[in-house]
Amino acid sequence: MQAKQINHGQSEIWLEADGKEITPHSTLATNEVVNVVRRHTDEEVFKKFYADYHVARQHVASLDLAGLDGMAAELKLKA
């Protein structure tokens, strides 16, 4: 999953595989992205993602996990 903050309250997310986008970009509330990732990952993975996600606006943070299906479904990302 790729995620970037567009502005202070919105983020853009999408799924990528082997450097190719496999879902359209979707705009969601930043808090929603953070909360879904928190629910679907362990604390160490979440902390690493959160730090990368908040480096700067427009910075793309990646979350590489096997089994992103549940997270993608909750975020309504469809290929």
N, C-alpha and C. Protein backbone atom coordinates (compact mmCIF):
# COMPACT_ATOMS: atom_id res chain seq x y z
N MET A 1 0.84 -1.17 0.00
CA MET A 1 0.00 0.00 0.00
C MET A 1 0.89 1.23 0.00
N GLN A 2 0.48 2.23 -0.74
CA GLN A 2 1.17 3.51 -0.79
C GLN A 2 0.23 4.55 -0.20
N ALA A 3 0.77 5.47 0.57
CA ALA A 3 -0.05 6.52 1.18
C ALA A 3 0.74 7.81 1.25
N LYS A 4 0.08 8.91 0.94
CA LYS A 4 0.72 10.22 1.10
C LYS A 4 -0.30 11.22 1.60
N GLN A 5 0.15 12.10 2.45
CA GLN A 5 -0.72 13.16 2.95
C GLN A 5 -0.77 14.26 1.90
N ILE A 6 -1.99 14.61 1.52
CA ILE A 6 -2.20 15.68 0.55
C ILE A 6 -2.15 17.03 1.26
N ASN A 7 -2.83 17.09 2.39
CA ASN A 7 -2.84 18.29 3.22
C ASN A 7 -2.97 17.83 4.66
N HIS A 8 -3.29 18.72 5.55
CA HIS A 8 -3.30 18.37 6.97
C HIS A 8 -4.34 17.33 7.35
N GLY A 9 -5.42 17.21 6.59
CA GLY A 9 -6.49 16.29 6.97
C GLY A 9 -6.82 15.21 5.97
N GLN A 10 -6.22 15.26 4.78
CA GLN A 10 -6.55 14.29 3.74
C GLN A 10 -5.31 13.56 3.26
N SER A 11 -5.53 12.32 2.86
CA SER A 11 -4.46 11.51 2.31
C SER A 11 -4.93 10.82 1.05
N GLU A 12 -3.97 10.45 0.25
CA GLU A 12 -4.24 9.70 -0.98
C GLU A 12 -3.59 8.33 -0.79
N ILE A 13 -4.34 7.27 -1.10
CA ILE A 13 -3.82 5.91 -0.94
C ILE A 13 -4.08 5.10 -2.20
N TRP A 14 -3.27 4.07 -2.41
CA TRP A 14 -3.44 3.15 -3.52
C TRP A 14 -2.59 1.92 -3.26
N LEU A 15 -2.90 0.85 -3.98
CA LEU A 15 -2.10 -0.36 -3.90
C LEU A 15 -1.19 -0.44 -5.11
N GLU A 16 0.00 -0.95 -4.87
CA GLU A 16 1.01 -1.11 -5.90
C GLU A 16 1.61 -2.50 -5.78
N ALA A 17 1.97 -3.09 -6.90
CA ALA A 17 2.68 -4.37 -6.90
C ALA A 17 3.76 -4.30 -7.97
N ASP A 18 4.96 -4.62 -7.59
CA ASP A 18 6.10 -4.58 -8.52
C ASP A 18 6.22 -3.24 -9.23
N GLY A 19 5.97 -2.15 -8.50
CA GLY A 19 6.11 -0.81 -9.05
C GLY A 19 4.97 -0.35 -9.94
N LYS A 20 3.92 -1.16 -10.05
CA LYS A 20 2.76 -0.79 -10.88
C LYS A 20 1.54 -0.60 -10.00
N GLU A 21 0.80 0.45 -10.27
CA GLU A 21 -0.43 0.71 -9.52
C GLU A 21 -1.48 -0.32 -9.92
N ILE A 22 -2.10 -0.94 -8.89
CA ILE A 22 -3.12 -1.95 -9.17
C ILE A 22 -4.51 -1.51 -8.72
N THR A 23 -4.59 -0.35 -8.06
CA THR A 23 -5.89 0.24 -7.73
C THR A 23 -5.83 1.71 -8.07
N PRO A 24 -6.98 2.32 -8.32
CA PRO A 24 -7.00 3.76 -8.49
C PRO A 24 -6.66 4.44 -7.16
N HIS A 25 -6.18 5.67 -7.24
CA HIS A 25 -5.91 6.45 -6.03
C HIS A 25 -7.24 6.82 -5.39
N SER A 26 -7.26 6.81 -4.08
CA SER A 26 -8.46 7.15 -3.32
C SER A 26 -8.09 8.20 -2.28
N THR A 27 -8.95 9.17 -2.07
CA THR A 27 -8.71 10.21 -1.07
C THR A 27 -9.53 9.90 0.18
N LEU A 28 -8.85 9.87 1.31
CA LEU A 28 -9.48 9.57 2.59
C LEU A 28 -8.96 10.52 3.66
N ALA A 29 -9.65 10.56 4.77
CA ALA A 29 -9.17 11.33 5.91
C ALA A 29 -7.89 10.67 6.42
N THR A 30 -6.90 11.48 6.74
CA THR A 30 -5.63 10.98 7.25
C THR A 30 -5.83 10.11 8.48
N ASN A 31 -6.70 10.52 9.38
CA ASN A 31 -6.96 9.72 10.59
C ASN A 31 -7.50 8.34 10.24
N GLU A 32 -8.32 8.24 9.22
CA GLU A 32 -8.86 6.94 8.83
C GLU A 32 -7.74 6.00 8.37
N VAL A 33 -6.83 6.52 7.56
CA VAL A 33 -5.70 5.72 7.09
C VAL A 33 -4.89 5.23 8.29
N VAL A 34 -4.56 6.14 9.19
CA VAL A 34 -3.77 5.80 10.38
C VAL A 34 -4.48 4.74 11.21
N ASN A 35 -5.75 4.92 11.47
CA ASN A 35 -6.50 3.98 12.31
C ASN A 35 -6.61 2.58 11.68
N VAL A 36 -6.82 2.51 10.39
CA VAL A 36 -6.90 1.21 9.72
C VAL A 36 -5.54 0.50 9.77
N VAL A 37 -4.48 1.23 9.48
CA VAL A 37 -3.14 0.61 9.53
C VAL A 37 -2.85 0.14 10.96
N ARG A 38 -3.20 0.93 11.94
CA ARG A 38 -2.98 0.54 13.35
C ARG A 38 -3.70 -0.76 13.68
N ARG A 39 -4.93 -0.90 13.21
CA ARG A 39 -5.72 -2.11 13.50
C ARG A 39 -5.18 -3.36 12.82
N HIS A 40 -4.55 -3.19 11.66
CA HIS A 40 -4.14 -4.34 10.85
C HIS A 40 -2.66 -4.70 10.95
N THR A 41 -1.90 -3.98 11.76
CA THR A 41 -0.47 -4.27 11.88
C THR A 41 -0.07 -4.37 13.34
N ASP A 42 1.08 -4.97 13.57
CA ASP A 42 1.58 -5.00 14.95
C ASP A 42 2.22 -3.64 15.26
N GLU A 43 2.53 -3.42 16.52
CA GLU A 43 2.98 -2.11 16.99
C GLU A 43 4.26 -1.64 16.28
N GLU A 44 5.21 -2.54 16.09
CA GLU A 44 6.48 -2.16 15.46
C GLU A 44 6.28 -1.72 14.00
N VAL A 45 5.49 -2.47 13.25
CA VAL A 45 5.20 -2.13 11.85
C VAL A 45 4.46 -0.80 11.80
N PHE A 46 3.47 -0.63 12.68
CA PHE A 46 2.71 0.62 12.70
C PHE A 46 3.62 1.81 12.98
N LYS A 47 4.48 1.72 13.98
CA LYS A 47 5.37 2.83 14.33
C LYS A 47 6.28 3.22 13.16
N LYS A 48 6.81 2.22 12.47
CA LYS A 48 7.68 2.49 11.32
C LYS A 48 6.88 3.19 10.21
N PHE A 49 5.69 2.67 9.90
CA PHE A 49 4.85 3.28 8.87
C PHE A 49 4.47 4.71 9.27
N TYR A 50 4.03 4.90 10.52
CA TYR A 50 3.58 6.20 11.00
C TYR A 50 4.70 7.24 10.88
N ALA A 51 5.90 6.88 11.26
CA ALA A 51 7.03 7.81 11.16
C ALA A 51 7.30 8.18 9.70
N ASP A 52 7.26 7.21 8.81
CA ASP A 52 7.50 7.47 7.39
C ASP A 52 6.37 8.29 6.79
N TYR A 53 5.15 8.00 7.19
CA TYR A 53 3.96 8.67 6.69
C TYR A 53 3.95 10.16 7.04
N HIS A 54 4.56 10.52 8.16
CA HIS A 54 4.55 11.90 8.63
C HIS A 54 5.86 12.64 8.36
N VAL A 55 6.69 12.14 7.46
CA VAL A 55 7.94 12.82 7.11
C VAL A 55 7.64 14.21 6.55
N ALA A 56 6.74 14.27 5.58
CA ALA A 56 6.36 15.54 4.95
C ALA A 56 5.12 15.29 4.09
N ARG A 57 4.36 16.34 3.87
CA ARG A 57 3.23 16.21 2.93
C ARG A 57 3.78 15.87 1.56
N GLN A 58 3.04 15.12 0.82
CA GLN A 58 3.36 14.65 -0.53
C GLN A 58 4.44 13.56 -0.54
N HIS A 59 4.99 13.20 0.63
CA HIS A 59 5.94 12.08 0.72
C HIS A 59 5.15 10.79 0.68
N VAL A 60 5.55 9.85 -0.15
CA VAL A 60 4.84 8.58 -0.26
C VAL A 60 5.44 7.58 0.73
N ALA A 61 4.61 7.11 1.62
CA ALA A 61 5.01 6.08 2.58
C ALA A 61 4.49 4.74 2.08
N SER A 62 5.30 3.71 2.19
CA SER A 62 4.92 2.38 1.73
C SER A 62 4.70 1.44 2.90
N LEU A 63 3.74 0.59 2.74
CA LEU A 63 3.48 -0.46 3.72
C LEU A 63 3.45 -1.77 2.94
N ASP A 64 4.44 -2.60 3.17
CA ASP A 64 4.59 -3.84 2.42
C ASP A 64 4.30 -5.02 3.34
N LEU A 65 3.13 -5.59 3.18
CA LEU A 65 2.71 -6.73 4.01
C LEU A 65 2.07 -7.79 3.15
N ALA A 66 2.30 -9.02 3.51
CA ALA A 66 1.53 -10.09 2.89
C ALA A 66 0.13 -10.00 3.49
N GLY A 67 -0.87 -10.21 2.70
CA GLY A 67 -2.23 -10.20 3.22
C GLY A 67 -2.78 -8.81 3.49
N LEU A 68 -2.62 -7.92 2.56
CA LEU A 68 -3.21 -6.57 2.68
C LEU A 68 -4.70 -6.57 2.35
N ASP A 69 -5.25 -7.73 2.04
CA ASP A 69 -6.64 -7.80 1.58
C ASP A 69 -7.62 -7.18 2.56
N GLY A 70 -7.50 -7.51 3.84
CA GLY A 70 -8.42 -6.97 4.84
C GLY A 70 -8.31 -5.47 4.96
N MET A 71 -7.09 -4.97 4.93
CA MET A 71 -6.87 -3.53 5.02
C MET A 71 -7.40 -2.84 3.76
N ALA A 72 -7.13 -3.41 2.60
CA ALA A 72 -7.60 -2.83 1.35
C ALA A 72 -9.13 -2.80 1.30
N ALA A 73 -9.76 -3.85 1.78
CA ALA A 73 -11.23 -3.89 1.79
C ALA A 73 -11.78 -2.81 2.72
N GLU A 74 -11.17 -2.65 3.89
CA GLU A 74 -11.66 -1.64 4.83
C GLU A 74 -11.46 -0.23 4.28
N LEU A 75 -10.39 -0.03 3.50
CA LEU A 75 -10.12 1.28 2.90
C LEU A 75 -10.83 1.45 1.57
N LYS A 76 -11.57 0.43 1.15
CA LYS A 76 -12.36 0.43 -0.09
C LYS A 76 -11.49 0.60 -1.33
N LEU A 77 -10.32 -0.04 -1.33
CA LEU A 77 -9.44 -0.05 -2.50
C LEU A 77 -9.76 -1.27 -3.33
N LYS A 78 -10.12 -1.07 -4.59
CA LYS A 78 -10.50 -2.16 -5.47
C LYS A 78 -9.68 -2.12 -6.74
N ALA A 79 -9.17 -3.27 -7.12
CA ALA A 79 -8.38 -3.37 -8.35
C ALA A 79 -9.27 -3.33 -9.57
